[in-house]
Every structure is written in C-alpha cells, then in structure tokens.
C-alpha cells in the first residue's frame, strides 16, 4: 500500500485521492477498534471449541491489534498529508 501512496503523492491533484484513502483507512481502523473485543473473544472461543490452537489465537489477537493501529495511523497520515497539500 505504501508504493501506491507514494505514487499518488507525485500526481498533481493527488491530495483528493489521498484524502479519500485516508478517510477509508481511518474508518476501517475505527471500525476494527470498536469490534476489537468481539474479534478477540471470537479467537478465545475458537480455542475453547478446539478449532484453533492457543498459539494461533495469540497470533490472531496480535495481528488484530497491530493492524488496527496501522490502519488508523495510515488514515491519519494520509489525511494530514492531503490537508497539507490542499492548504499550502
């Protein structure tokens, strides 16, 4: 995703596209954060049911945690950069 963002940053009028990417990424990160407890408990229930190992559940919870942060920070970065290009 980073090469796409860098390619868009070199295009004239790219702040509009970058702003849209930022909005989508931010909303996805906010949605994941709001559903994070549910996603984590789903992994814990899978361990109790014997569908998933405990190590796999830990990895899943870890991936959920860092991807939530990554999406939110990517969205904030894209929106900030688009705003900077728009108002300079």
PDB file of N, CA and C in Angstrom:
ATOM      1  N   UNK A   1       0.811  -1.184   0.000  1.00  0.00           N
ATOM      2  CA  UNK A   1       0.000   0.000   0.000  1.00  0.00           C
ATOM      3  C   UNK A   1       0.859   1.255   0.000  1.00  0.00           C
ATOM      4  N   UNK A   2       2.026   1.211   0.587  1.00  0.00           N
ATOM      5  CA  UNK A   2       2.892   2.378   0.638  1.00  0.00           C
ATOM      6  C   UNK A   2       3.338   2.832  -0.755  1.00  0.00           C
ATOM      7  N   UNK A   3       3.713   1.931  -1.685  1.00  0.00           N
ATOM      8  CA  UNK A   3       4.074   2.406  -3.018  1.00  0.00           C
ATOM      9  C   UNK A   3       2.909   3.118  -3.714  1.00  0.00           C
ATOM     10  N   UNK A   4       1.693   2.679  -3.464  1.00  0.00           N
ATOM     11  CA  UNK A   4       0.531   3.335  -4.053  1.00  0.00           C
ATOM     12  C   UNK A   4       0.414   4.748  -3.521  1.00  0.00           C
ATOM     13  N   UNK A   5       0.604   4.906  -2.210  1.00  0.00           N
ATOM     14  CA  UNK A   5       0.516   6.231  -1.598  1.00  0.00           C
ATOM     15  C   UNK A   5       1.617   7.133  -2.137  1.00  0.00           C
ATOM     16  N   UNK A   6       2.820   6.603  -2.270  1.00  0.00           N
ATOM     17  CA  UNK A   6       3.922   7.417  -2.791  1.00  0.00           C
ATOM     18  C   UNK A   6       3.691   7.778  -4.253  1.00  0.00           C
ATOM     19  N   UNK A   7       3.131   6.862  -5.027  1.00  0.00           N
ATOM     20  CA  UNK A   7       2.839   7.166  -6.432  1.00  0.00           C
ATOM     21  C   UNK A   7       1.753   8.229  -6.529  1.00  0.00           C
ATOM     22  N   UNK A   8       0.758   8.138  -5.679  1.00  0.00           N
ATOM     23  CA  UNK A   8      -0.310   9.132  -5.696  1.00  0.00           C
ATOM     24  C   UNK A   8       0.193  10.504  -5.261  1.00  0.00           C
ATOM     25  N   UNK A   9       1.213  10.509  -4.391  1.00  0.00           N
ATOM     26  CA  UNK A   9       1.739  11.779  -3.899  1.00  0.00           C
ATOM     27  C   UNK A   9       2.453  12.558  -4.990  1.00  0.00           C
ATOM     28  N   UNK A  10       2.906  11.879  -6.044  1.00  0.00           N
ATOM     29  CA  UNK A  10       3.615  12.569  -7.117  1.00  0.00           C
ATOM     30  C   UNK A  10       2.676  13.083  -8.197  1.00  0.00           C
ATOM     31  N   UNK A  11       1.440  12.628  -8.194  1.00  0.00           N
ATOM     32  CA  UNK A  11       0.475  13.057  -9.198  1.00  0.00           C
ATOM     33  C   UNK A  11      -0.112  14.402  -8.790  1.00  0.00           C
ATOM     34  N   UNK A  12      -0.308  15.258  -9.754  1.00  0.00           N
ATOM     35  CA  UNK A  12      -0.969  16.534  -9.488  1.00  0.00           C
ATOM     36  C   UNK A  12      -2.415  16.255  -9.100  1.00  0.00           C
ATOM     37  N   UNK A  13      -2.972  16.981  -8.182  1.00  0.00           N
ATOM     38  CA  UNK A  13      -4.331  16.780  -7.671  1.00  0.00           C
ATOM     39  C   UNK A  13      -4.468  15.467  -6.896  1.00  0.00           C
ATOM     40  N   UNK A  14      -3.363  14.941  -6.425  1.00  0.00           N
ATOM     41  CA  UNK A  14      -3.405  13.667  -5.720  1.00  0.00           C
ATOM     42  C   UNK A  14      -3.944  13.796  -4.303  1.00  0.00           C
ATOM     43  N   UNK A  15      -4.025  15.010  -3.788  1.00  0.00           N
ATOM     44  CA  UNK A  15      -4.489  15.179  -2.416  1.00  0.00           C
ATOM     45  C   UNK A  15      -5.926  14.721  -2.253  1.00  0.00           C
ATOM     46  N   UNK A  16      -6.713  14.801  -3.334  1.00  0.00           N
ATOM     47  CA  UNK A  16      -8.097  14.339  -3.242  1.00  0.00           C
ATOM     48  C   UNK A  16      -8.160  12.826  -3.072  1.00  0.00           C
ATOM     49  N   UNK A  17      -7.381  12.118  -3.867  1.00  0.00           N
ATOM     50  CA  UNK A  17      -7.339  10.660  -3.774  1.00  0.00           C
ATOM     51  C   UNK A  17      -6.733  10.244  -2.447  1.00  0.00           C
ATOM     52  N   UNK A  18      -5.682  10.929  -2.049  1.00  0.00           N
ATOM     53  CA  UNK A  18      -5.030  10.621  -0.781  1.00  0.00           C
ATOM     54  C   UNK A  18      -5.968  10.880   0.391  1.00  0.00           C
ATOM     55  N   UNK A  19      -6.763  11.913   0.293  1.00  0.00           N
ATOM     56  CA  UNK A  19      -7.752  12.194   1.328  1.00  0.00           C
ATOM     57  C   UNK A  19      -8.803  11.101   1.410  1.00  0.00           C
ATOM     58  N   UNK A  20      -9.248  10.603   0.256  1.00  0.00           N
ATOM     59  CA  UNK A  20     -10.221   9.503   0.248  1.00  0.00           C
ATOM     60  C   UNK A  20      -9.628   8.232   0.845  1.00  0.00           C
ATOM     61  N   UNK A  21      -8.378   7.947   0.501  1.00  0.00           N
ATOM     62  CA  UNK A  21      -7.708   6.780   1.093  1.00  0.00           C
ATOM     63  C   UNK A  21      -7.602   6.952   2.599  1.00  0.00           C
ATOM     64  N   UNK A  22      -7.283   8.153   3.027  1.00  0.00           N
ATOM     65  CA  UNK A  22      -7.179   8.434   4.460  1.00  0.00           C
ATOM     66  C   UNK A  22      -8.501   8.251   5.182  1.00  0.00           C
ATOM     67  N   UNK A  23      -9.587   8.702   4.554  1.00  0.00           N
ATOM     68  CA  UNK A  23     -10.900   8.536   5.173  1.00  0.00           C
ATOM     69  C   UNK A  23     -11.255   7.064   5.296  1.00  0.00           C
ATOM     70  N   UNK A  24     -11.043   6.300   4.226  1.00  0.00           N
ATOM     71  CA  UNK A  24     -11.377   4.873   4.248  1.00  0.00           C
ATOM     72  C   UNK A  24     -10.523   4.133   5.274  1.00  0.00           C
ATOM     73  N   UNK A  25      -9.222   4.407   5.297  1.00  0.00           N
ATOM     74  CA  UNK A  25      -8.337   3.733   6.251  1.00  0.00           C
ATOM     75  C   UNK A  25      -8.689   4.102   7.686  1.00  0.00           C
ATOM     76  N   UNK A  26      -8.997   5.364   7.923  1.00  0.00           N
ATOM     77  CA  UNK A  26      -9.375   5.787   9.280  1.00  0.00           C
ATOM     78  C   UNK A  26     -10.666   5.131   9.726  1.00  0.00           C
ATOM     79  N   UNK A  27     -11.657   5.103   8.848  1.00  0.00           N
ATOM     80  CA  UNK A  27     -12.926   4.465   9.200  1.00  0.00           C
ATOM     81  C   UNK A  27     -12.760   2.961   9.436  1.00  0.00           C
ATOM     82  N   UNK A  28     -11.920   2.311   8.630  1.00  0.00           N
ATOM     83  CA  UNK A  28     -11.665   0.889   8.839  1.00  0.00           C
ATOM     84  C   UNK A  28     -10.968   0.655  10.179  1.00  0.00           C
ATOM     85  N   UNK A  29     -10.012   1.499  10.521  1.00  0.00           N
ATOM     86  CA  UNK A  29      -9.323   1.378  11.803  1.00  0.00           C
ATOM     87  C   UNK A  29     -10.250   1.630  12.976  1.00  0.00           C
ATOM     88  N   UNK A  30     -11.129   2.615  12.844  1.00  0.00           N
ATOM     89  CA  UNK A  30     -12.091   2.905  13.909  1.00  0.00           C
ATOM     90  C   UNK A  30     -13.072   1.756  14.062  1.00  0.00           C
ATOM     91  N   UNK A  31     -13.522   1.194  12.928  1.00  0.00           N
ATOM     92  CA  UNK A  31     -14.447   0.054  12.988  1.00  0.00           C
ATOM     93  C   UNK A  31     -13.783  -1.140  13.670  1.00  0.00           C
ATOM     94  N   UNK A  32     -12.525  -1.421  13.281  1.00  0.00           N
ATOM     95  CA  UNK A  32     -11.827  -2.548  13.897  1.00  0.00           C
ATOM     96  C   UNK A  32     -11.621  -2.327  15.389  1.00  0.00           C
ATOM     97  N   UNK A  33     -11.323  -1.099  15.775  1.00  0.00           N
ATOM     98  CA  UNK A  33     -11.137  -0.805  17.198  1.00  0.00           C
ATOM     99  C   UNK A  33     -12.439  -0.993  17.965  1.00  0.00           C
ATOM    100  N   UNK A  34     -13.557  -0.627  17.359  1.00  0.00           N
ATOM    101  CA  UNK A  34     -14.838  -0.790  18.043  1.00  0.00           C
ATOM    102  C   UNK A  34     -15.249  -2.259  18.144  1.00  0.00           C
ATOM    103  N   UNK A  35     -14.801  -3.082  17.212  1.00  0.00           N
ATOM    104  CA  UNK A  35     -15.133  -4.515  17.212  1.00  0.00           C
ATOM    105  C   UNK A  35     -14.001  -5.379  17.766  1.00  0.00           C
ATOM    106  N   UNK A  36     -12.967  -4.747  18.310  1.00  0.00           N
ATOM    107  CA  UNK A  36     -11.770  -5.478  18.741  1.00  0.00           C
ATOM    108  C   UNK A  36     -12.069  -6.480  19.851  1.00  0.00           C
ATOM    109  N   UNK A  37     -12.869  -6.104  20.835  1.00  0.00           N
ATOM    110  CA  UNK A  37     -13.203  -7.042  21.908  1.00  0.00           C
ATOM    111  C   UNK A  37     -13.945  -8.253  21.358  1.00  0.00           C
ATOM    112  N   UNK A  38     -14.840  -8.023  20.407  1.00  0.00           N
ATOM    113  CA  UNK A  38     -15.581  -9.115  19.806  1.00  0.00           C
ATOM    114  C   UNK A  38     -14.652 -10.027  19.017  1.00  0.00           C
ATOM    115  N   UNK A  39     -13.727  -9.445  18.249  1.00  0.00           N
ATOM    116  CA  UNK A  39     -12.787 -10.243  17.469  1.00  0.00           C
ATOM    117  C   UNK A  39     -11.864 -11.058  18.372  1.00  0.00           C
ATOM    118  N   UNK A  40     -11.419 -10.449  19.475  1.00  0.00           N
ATOM    119  CA  UNK A  40     -10.558 -11.162  20.418  1.00  0.00           C
ATOM    120  C   UNK A  40     -11.310 -12.296  21.109  1.00  0.00           C
ATOM    121  N   UNK A  41     -12.540 -12.038  21.511  1.00  0.00           N
ATOM    122  CA  UNK A  41     -13.299 -13.094  22.185  1.00  0.00           C
ATOM    123  C   UNK A  41     -13.666 -14.209  21.218  1.00  0.00           C
ATOM    124  N   UNK A  42     -13.813 -13.871  19.940  1.00  0.00           N
ATOM    125  CA  UNK A  42     -14.068 -14.896  18.930  1.00  0.00           C
ATOM    126  C   UNK A  42     -12.885 -15.855  18.832  1.00  0.00           C
ATOM    127  N   UNK A  43     -11.665 -15.313  18.891  1.00  0.00           N
ATOM    128  CA  UNK A  43     -10.468 -16.152  18.867  1.00  0.00           C
ATOM    129  C   UNK A  43     -10.373 -17.011  20.131  1.00  0.00           C
ATOM    130  N   UNK A  44     -10.718 -16.438  21.278  1.00  0.00           N
ATOM    131  CA  UNK A  44     -10.687 -17.198  22.528  1.00  0.00           C
ATOM    132  C   UNK A  44     -11.723 -18.330  22.521  1.00  0.00           C
ATOM    133  N   UNK A  45     -12.883 -18.055  21.947  1.00  0.00           N
ATOM    134  CA  UNK A  45     -13.916 -19.093  21.849  1.00  0.00           C
ATOM    135  C   UNK A  45     -13.486 -20.215  20.901  1.00  0.00           C
ATOM    136  N   UNK A  46     -12.758 -19.867  19.853  1.00  0.00           N
ATOM    137  CA  UNK A  46     -12.261 -20.880  18.929  1.00  0.00           C
ATOM    138  C   UNK A  46     -11.274 -21.810  19.626  1.00  0.00           C
ATOM    139  N   UNK A  47     -10.488 -21.273  20.557  1.00  0.00           N
ATOM    140  CA  UNK A  47      -9.565 -22.106  21.339  1.00  0.00           C
ATOM    141  C   UNK A  47     -10.358 -23.035  22.247  1.00  0.00           C
ATOM    142  N   UNK A  48     -11.388 -22.513  22.901  1.00  0.00           N
ATOM    143  CA  UNK A  48     -12.208 -23.338  23.790  1.00  0.00           C
ATOM    144  C   UNK A  48     -12.922 -24.443  23.036  1.00  0.00           C
ATOM    145  N   UNK A  49     -13.327 -24.162  21.791  1.00  0.00           N
ATOM    146  CA  UNK A  49     -14.022 -25.160  20.978  1.00  0.00           C
ATOM    147  C   UNK A  49     -13.069 -26.142  20.326  1.00  0.00           C
ATOM    148  N   UNK A  50     -11.773 -25.889  20.404  1.00  0.00           N
ATOM    149  CA  UNK A  50     -10.784 -26.780  19.823  1.00  0.00           C
ATOM    150  C   UNK A  50     -10.557 -26.546  18.340  1.00  0.00           C
ATOM    151  N   UNK A  51     -11.074 -25.465  17.810  1.00  0.00           N
ATOM    152  CA  UNK A  51     -10.918 -25.158  16.395  1.00  0.00           C
ATOM    153  C   UNK A  51      -9.544 -24.545  16.115  1.00  0.00           C
ATOM    154  N   UNK A  52      -9.009 -23.833  17.082  1.00  0.00           N
ATOM    155  CA  UNK A  52      -7.759 -23.097  16.920  1.00  0.00           C
ATOM    156  C   UNK A  52      -6.853 -23.392  18.114  1.00  0.00           C
ATOM    157  N   UNK A  53      -5.546 -23.422  17.850  1.00  0.00           N
ATOM    158  CA  UNK A  53      -4.615 -23.612  18.954  1.00  0.00           C
ATOM    159  C   UNK A  53      -4.439 -22.297  19.705  1.00  0.00           C
ATOM    160  N   UNK A  54      -3.893 -22.396  20.895  1.00  0.00           N
ATOM    161  CA  UNK A  54      -3.687 -21.186  21.702  1.00  0.00           C
ATOM    162  C   UNK A  54      -2.666 -20.251  21.060  1.00  0.00           C
ATOM    163  N   UNK A  55      -1.637 -20.831  20.447  1.00  0.00           N
ATOM    164  CA  UNK A  55      -0.625 -20.004  19.769  1.00  0.00           C
ATOM    165  C   UNK A  55      -1.227 -19.273  18.575  1.00  0.00           C
ATOM    166  N   UNK A  56      -2.083 -19.942  17.832  1.00  0.00           N
ATOM    167  CA  UNK A  56      -2.730 -19.307  16.682  1.00  0.00           C
ATOM    168  C   UNK A  56      -3.666 -18.186  17.141  1.00  0.00           C
ATOM    169  N   UNK A  57      -4.346 -18.400  18.258  1.00  0.00           N
ATOM    170  CA  UNK A  57      -5.227 -17.358  18.789  1.00  0.00           C
ATOM    171  C   UNK A  57      -4.422 -16.138  19.235  1.00  0.00           C
ATOM    172  N   UNK A  58      -3.270 -16.376  19.857  1.00  0.00           N
ATOM    173  CA  UNK A  58      -2.412 -15.260  20.259  1.00  0.00           C
ATOM    174  C   UNK A  58      -1.925 -14.469  19.048  1.00  0.00           C
ATOM    175  N   UNK A  59      -1.548 -15.212  17.996  1.00  0.00           N
ATOM    176  CA  UNK A  59      -1.112 -14.538  16.767  1.00  0.00           C
ATOM    177  C   UNK A  59      -2.247 -13.721  16.163  1.00  0.00           C
ATOM    178  N   UNK A  60      -3.449 -14.298  16.157  1.00  0.00           N
ATOM    179  CA  UNK A  60      -4.602 -13.582  15.601  1.00  0.00           C
ATOM    180  C   UNK A  60      -4.900 -12.306  16.393  1.00  0.00           C
ATOM    181  N   UNK A  61      -4.853 -12.402  17.702  1.00  0.00           N
ATOM    182  CA  UNK A  61      -5.099 -11.231  18.547  1.00  0.00           C
ATOM    183  C   UNK A  61      -4.013 -10.184  18.314  1.00  0.00           C
ATOM    184  N   UNK A  62      -2.779 -10.634  18.143  1.00  0.00           N
ATOM    185  CA  UNK A  62      -1.674  -9.713  17.883  1.00  0.00           C
ATOM    186  C   UNK A  62      -1.846  -9.024  16.523  1.00  0.00           C
ATOM    187  N   UNK A  63      -2.239  -9.771  15.509  1.00  0.00           N
ATOM    188  CA  UNK A  63      -2.454  -9.197  14.180  1.00  0.00           C
ATOM    189  C   UNK A  63      -3.599  -8.189  14.217  1.00  0.00           C
ATOM    190  N   UNK A  64      -4.648  -8.508  14.940  1.00  0.00           N
ATOM    191  CA  UNK A  64      -5.770  -7.576  15.073  1.00  0.00           C
ATOM    192  C   UNK A  64      -5.302  -6.281  15.734  1.00  0.00           C
ATOM    193  N   UNK A  65      -4.475  -6.396  16.762  1.00  0.00           N
ATOM    194  CA  UNK A  65      -4.009  -5.217  17.493  1.00  0.00           C
ATOM    195  C   UNK A  65      -3.149  -4.314  16.609  1.00  0.00           C
ATOM    196  N   UNK A  66      -2.152  -4.886  15.925  1.00  0.00           N
ATOM    197  CA  UNK A  66      -1.272  -4.013  15.143  1.00  0.00           C
ATOM    198  C   UNK A  66      -1.928  -3.533  13.861  1.00  0.00           C
ATOM    199  N   UNK A  67      -2.819  -4.331  13.270  1.00  0.00           N
ATOM    200  CA  UNK A  67      -3.469  -3.861  12.051  1.00  0.00           C
ATOM    201  C   UNK A  67      -4.455  -2.731  12.338  1.00  0.00           C
ATOM    202  N   UNK A  68      -5.077  -2.774  13.519  1.00  0.00           N
ATOM    203  CA  UNK A  68      -5.956  -1.676  13.910  1.00  0.00           C
ATOM    204  C   UNK A  68      -5.166  -0.377  14.024  1.00  0.00           C
ATOM    205  N   UNK A  69      -4.043  -0.443  14.697  1.00  0.00           N
ATOM    206  CA  UNK A  69      -3.202   0.747  14.841  1.00  0.00           C
ATOM    207  C   UNK A  69      -2.654   1.216  13.497  1.00  0.00           C
ATOM    208  N   UNK A  70      -2.229   0.257  12.667  1.00  0.00           N
ATOM    209  CA  UNK A  70      -1.663   0.596  11.369  1.00  0.00           C
ATOM    210  C   UNK A  70      -2.688   1.283  10.474  1.00  0.00           C
ATOM    211  N   UNK A  71      -3.904   0.757  10.427  1.00  0.00           N
ATOM    212  CA  UNK A  71      -4.942   1.385   9.614  1.00  0.00           C
ATOM    213  C   UNK A  71      -5.261   2.797  10.096  1.00  0.00           C
ATOM    214  N   UNK A  72      -5.393   2.947  11.400  1.00  0.00           N
ATOM    215  CA  UNK A  72      -5.723   4.260  11.945  1.00  0.00           C
ATOM    216  C   UNK A  72      -4.602   5.261  11.681  1.00  0.00           C
ATOM    217  N   UNK A  73      -3.369   4.871  11.924  1.00  0.00           N
ATOM    218  CA  UNK A  73      -2.244   5.781  11.693  1.00  0.00           C
ATOM    219  C   UNK A  73      -2.049   6.084  10.210  1.00  0.00           C
ATOM    220  N   UNK A  74      -2.271   5.105   9.347  1.00  0.00           N
ATOM    221  CA  UNK A  74      -2.184   5.341   7.908  1.00  0.00           C
ATOM    222  C   UNK A  74      -3.236   6.352   7.477  1.00  0.00           C
ATOM    223  N   UNK A  75      -4.449   6.196   8.009  1.00  0.00           N
ATOM    224  CA  UNK A  75      -5.509   7.141   7.690  1.00  0.00           C
ATOM    225  C   UNK A  75      -5.188   8.548   8.147  1.00  0.00           C
ATOM    226  N   UNK A  76      -4.667   8.667   9.352  1.00  0.00           N
ATOM    227  CA  UNK A  76      -4.311   9.988   9.878  1.00  0.00           C
ATOM    228  C   UNK A  76      -3.183  10.604   9.056  1.00  0.00           C
ATOM    229  N   UNK A  77      -2.191   9.794   8.705  1.00  0.00           N
ATOM    230  CA  UNK A  77      -1.078  10.295   7.889  1.00  0.00           C
ATOM    231  C   UNK A  77      -1.570  10.771   6.530  1.00  0.00           C
ATOM    232  N   UNK A  78      -2.393   9.962   5.872  1.00  0.00           N
ATOM    233  CA  UNK A  78      -2.905  10.338   4.548  1.00  0.00           C
ATOM    234  C   UNK A  78      -3.750  11.607   4.619  1.00  0.00           C
ATOM    235  N   UNK A  79      -4.615  11.691   5.618  1.00  0.00           N
ATOM    236  CA  UNK A  79      -5.437  12.892   5.762  1.00  0.00           C
ATOM    237  C   UNK A  79      -4.589  14.127   6.064  1.00  0.00           C
ATOM    238  N   UNK A  80      -3.577  13.960   6.898  1.00  0.00           N
ATOM    239  CA  UNK A  80      -2.697  15.094   7.213  1.00  0.00           C
ATOM    240  C   UNK A  80      -1.932  15.559   5.987  1.00  0.00           C
ATOM    241  N   UNK A  81      -1.394  14.611   5.236  1.00  0.00           N
ATOM    242  CA  UNK A  81      -0.640  14.959   4.050  1.00  0.00           C
ATOM    243  C   UNK A  81      -1.547  15.601   2.991  1.00  0.00           C
ATOM    244  N   UNK A  82      -2.761  15.059   2.831  1.00  0.00           N
ATOM    245  CA  UNK A  82      -3.715  15.642   1.868  1.00  0.00           C
ATOM    246  C   UNK A  82      -4.106  17.055   2.290  1.00  0.00           C
ATOM    247  N   UNK A  83      -4.317  17.274   3.577  1.00  0.00           N
ATOM    248  CA  UNK A  83      -4.642  18.613   4.065  1.00  0.00           C
ATOM    249  C   UNK A  83      -3.494  19.572   3.870  1.00  0.00           C
ATOM    250  N   UNK A  84      -2.273  19.089   4.078  1.00  0.00           N
ATOM    251  CA  UNK A  84      -1.104  19.932   3.887  1.00  0.00           C
ATOM    252  C   UNK A  84      -0.985  20.345   2.419  1.00  0.00           C
ATOM    253  N   UNK A  85      -1.192  19.373   1.503  1.00  0.00           N
ATOM    254  CA  UNK A  85      -1.106  19.698   0.078  1.00  0.00           C
ATOM    255  C   UNK A  85      -2.247  20.606  -0.362  1.00  0.00           C
ATOM    256  N   UNK A  86      -3.403  20.440   0.248  1.00  0.00           N
ATOM    257  CA  UNK A  86      -4.573  21.240  -0.137  1.00  0.00           C
ATOM    258  C   UNK A  86      -4.413  22.695   0.292  1.00  0.00           C
ATOM    259  N   UNK A  87      -3.872  22.925   1.482  1.00  0.00           N
ATOM    260  CA  UNK A  87      -3.833  24.277   2.040  1.00  0.00           C
ATOM    261  C   UNK A  87      -2.476  24.967   1.931  1.00  0.00           C
ATOM    262  N   UNK A  88      -1.532  24.408   1.230  1.00  0.00           N
ATOM    263  CA  UNK A  88      -0.246  25.093   1.123  1.00  0.00           C
ATOM    264  C   UNK A  88      -0.238  26.103   0.027  1.00  0.00           C
TER     265      UNK A  88
END
